Amino acid sequence: MIESEPIASFHLHAQTFGVIPAGMGTDPVWRSDVVTLAQAERAILEFELSDTGRYMFHPHQHHLAMRGAIGWLASL
């Protein structure tokens, strides 16, 4: 996440991911397509892009997305 925001989110289009919060072992605790974390929180996100294509990811905080916090993952 980012240091200067008290809360930030990560959203992956057309895909869900397993969420492993810091200190919670090695297996996903839940599945989602959005994870929201506070400044000091950490998590591992596991996912597999089984279909060929591009998958957009971004935060759900509009001001962060408008400042460039948007990207694409490609599955070949």
C-alpha atoms as a PDB file:
ATOM      1  CA  MET A   1       0.000   0.000   0.000  1.00  0.00           C
ATOM      2  CA  ILE A   2       1.234   3.558   0.336  1.00  0.00           C
ATOM      3  CA  GLU A   3       2.820   5.400   3.205  1.00  0.00           C
ATOM      4  CA  SER A   4       0.954   8.720   3.036  1.00  0.00           C
ATOM      5  CA  GLU A   5      -2.608   7.347   2.939  1.00  0.00           C
ATOM      6  CA  PRO A   6      -4.310   6.119   6.143  1.00  0.00           C
ATOM      7  CA  ILE A   7      -6.354   3.592   4.137  1.00  0.00           C
ATOM      8  CA  ALA A   8      -5.790   2.266   0.624  1.00  0.00           C
ATOM      9  CA  SER A   9      -7.310  -0.492  -1.461  1.00  0.00           C
ATOM     10  CA  PHE A  10      -6.281  -2.794  -4.305  1.00  0.00           C
ATOM     11  CA  HIS A  11      -8.859  -3.983  -6.852  1.00  0.00           C
ATOM     12  CA  LEU A  12      -8.128  -6.496  -9.623  1.00  0.00           C
ATOM     13  CA  HIS A  13     -10.598  -6.569 -12.524  1.00  0.00           C
ATOM     14  CA  ALA A  14     -12.138  -9.868 -13.698  1.00  0.00           C
ATOM     15  CA  GLN A  15     -10.303 -11.917 -11.102  1.00  0.00           C
ATOM     16  CA  THR A  16     -10.413 -12.856  -7.449  1.00  0.00           C
ATOM     17  CA  PHE A  17      -7.430 -13.485  -5.238  1.00  0.00           C
ATOM     18  CA  GLY A  18      -6.613 -15.269  -2.028  1.00  0.00           C
ATOM     19  CA  VAL A  19      -5.697 -12.933   0.826  1.00  0.00           C
ATOM     20  CA  ILE A  20      -3.084 -13.964   3.388  1.00  0.00           C
ATOM     21  CA  PRO A  21      -2.852 -11.261   6.080  1.00  0.00           C
ATOM     22  CA  ALA A  22       0.616 -10.770   7.605  1.00  0.00           C
ATOM     23  CA  GLY A  23       1.314 -13.309  10.324  1.00  0.00           C
ATOM     24  CA  MET A  24      -1.609 -15.572   9.382  1.00  0.00           C
ATOM     25  CA  GLY A  25       0.303 -18.495   7.894  1.00  0.00           C
ATOM     26  CA  THR A  26       0.712 -19.578   4.289  1.00  0.00           C
ATOM     27  CA  ASP A  27      -2.855 -20.341   3.183  1.00  0.00           C
ATOM     28  CA  PRO A  28      -5.389 -17.708   2.072  1.00  0.00           C
ATOM     29  CA  VAL A  29      -7.803 -16.679   4.817  1.00  0.00           C
ATOM     30  CA  TRP A  30     -10.417 -15.319   2.383  1.00  0.00           C
ATOM     31  CA  ARG A  31     -10.992 -14.573  -1.323  1.00  0.00           C
ATOM     32  CA  SER A  32     -11.975 -11.234  -2.816  1.00  0.00           C
ATOM     33  CA  ASP A  33     -11.441  -8.903  -5.768  1.00  0.00           C
ATOM     34  CA  VAL A  34     -10.747  -5.932  -3.452  1.00  0.00           C
ATOM     35  CA  VAL A  35      -8.549  -5.689  -0.375  1.00  0.00           C
ATOM     36  CA  THR A  36      -8.457  -2.623   1.874  1.00  0.00           C
ATOM     37  CA  LEU A  37      -5.577  -2.108   4.300  1.00  0.00           C
ATOM     38  CA  ALA A  38      -4.555   0.556   6.784  1.00  0.00           C
ATOM     39  CA  GLN A  39      -1.055   2.098   6.703  1.00  0.00           C
ATOM     40  CA  ALA A  40       0.719  -0.497   8.835  1.00  0.00           C
ATOM     41  CA  GLU A  41      -1.155  -3.563   7.548  1.00  0.00           C
ATOM     42  CA  ARG A  42       0.395  -6.022   5.109  1.00  0.00           C
ATOM     43  CA  ALA A  43      -0.981  -8.953   3.133  1.00  0.00           C
ATOM     44  CA  ILE A  44      -0.003 -11.370   0.399  1.00  0.00           C
ATOM     45  CA  LEU A  45      -2.397 -11.653  -2.556  1.00  0.00           C
ATOM     46  CA  GLU A  46      -2.343 -14.874  -4.575  1.00  0.00           C
ATOM     47  CA  PHE A  47      -4.018 -15.237  -7.960  1.00  0.00           C
ATOM     48  CA  GLU A  48      -3.675 -17.054 -11.244  1.00  0.00           C
ATOM     49  CA  LEU A  49      -4.431 -15.410 -14.572  1.00  0.00           C
ATOM     50  CA  SER A  50      -5.746 -18.441 -16.430  1.00  0.00           C
ATOM     51  CA  ASP A  51      -7.100 -16.583 -19.474  1.00  0.00           C
ATOM     52  CA  THR A  52      -4.862 -14.767 -21.942  1.00  0.00           C
ATOM     53  CA  GLY A  53      -5.327 -11.017 -21.753  1.00  0.00           C
ATOM     54  CA  ARG A  54      -4.779  -7.849 -19.756  1.00  0.00           C
ATOM     55  CA  TYR A  55      -6.146  -7.338 -16.254  1.00  0.00           C
ATOM     56  CA  MET A  56      -6.493  -3.833 -14.815  1.00  0.00           C
ATOM     57  CA  PHE A  57      -5.719  -3.116 -11.174  1.00  0.00           C
ATOM     58  CA  HIS A  58      -6.238   0.115  -9.215  1.00  0.00           C
ATOM     59  CA  PRO A  59      -7.172   1.557  -5.819  1.00  0.00           C
ATOM     60  CA  HIS A  60     -10.762   2.496  -5.044  1.00  0.00           C
ATOM     61  CA  GLN A  61      -9.628   5.890  -3.793  1.00  0.00           C
ATOM     62  CA  HIS A  62     -10.338   8.126  -6.784  1.00  0.00           C
ATOM     63  CA  HIS A  63      -7.637  10.689  -5.936  1.00  0.00           C
ATOM     64  CA  LEU A  64      -4.968   7.948  -5.961  1.00  0.00           C
ATOM     65  CA  ALA A  65      -6.116   6.508  -9.282  1.00  0.00           C
ATOM     66  CA  MET A  66      -6.170   9.974 -10.841  1.00  0.00           C
ATOM     67  CA  ARG A  67      -2.532  10.454  -9.763  1.00  0.00           C
ATOM     68  CA  GLY A  68      -1.477   7.352 -11.680  1.00  0.00           C
ATOM     69  CA  ALA A  69      -1.994   4.438  -9.269  1.00  0.00           C
ATOM     70  CA  ILE A  70      -3.420   2.242 -12.057  1.00  0.00           C
ATOM     71  CA  GLY A  71      -1.754  -0.625 -13.863  1.00  0.00           C
ATOM     72  CA  TRP A  72      -2.178  -3.718 -15.977  1.00  0.00           C
ATOM     73  CA  LEU A  73      -1.120  -7.341 -15.546  1.00  0.00           C
ATOM     74  CA  ALA A  74      -0.700  -9.404 -18.717  1.00  0.00           C
ATOM     75  CA  SER A  75      -1.284 -13.120 -19.096  1.00  0.00           C
ATOM     76  CA  LEU A  76       0.289 -14.528 -22.239  1.00  0.00           C
END
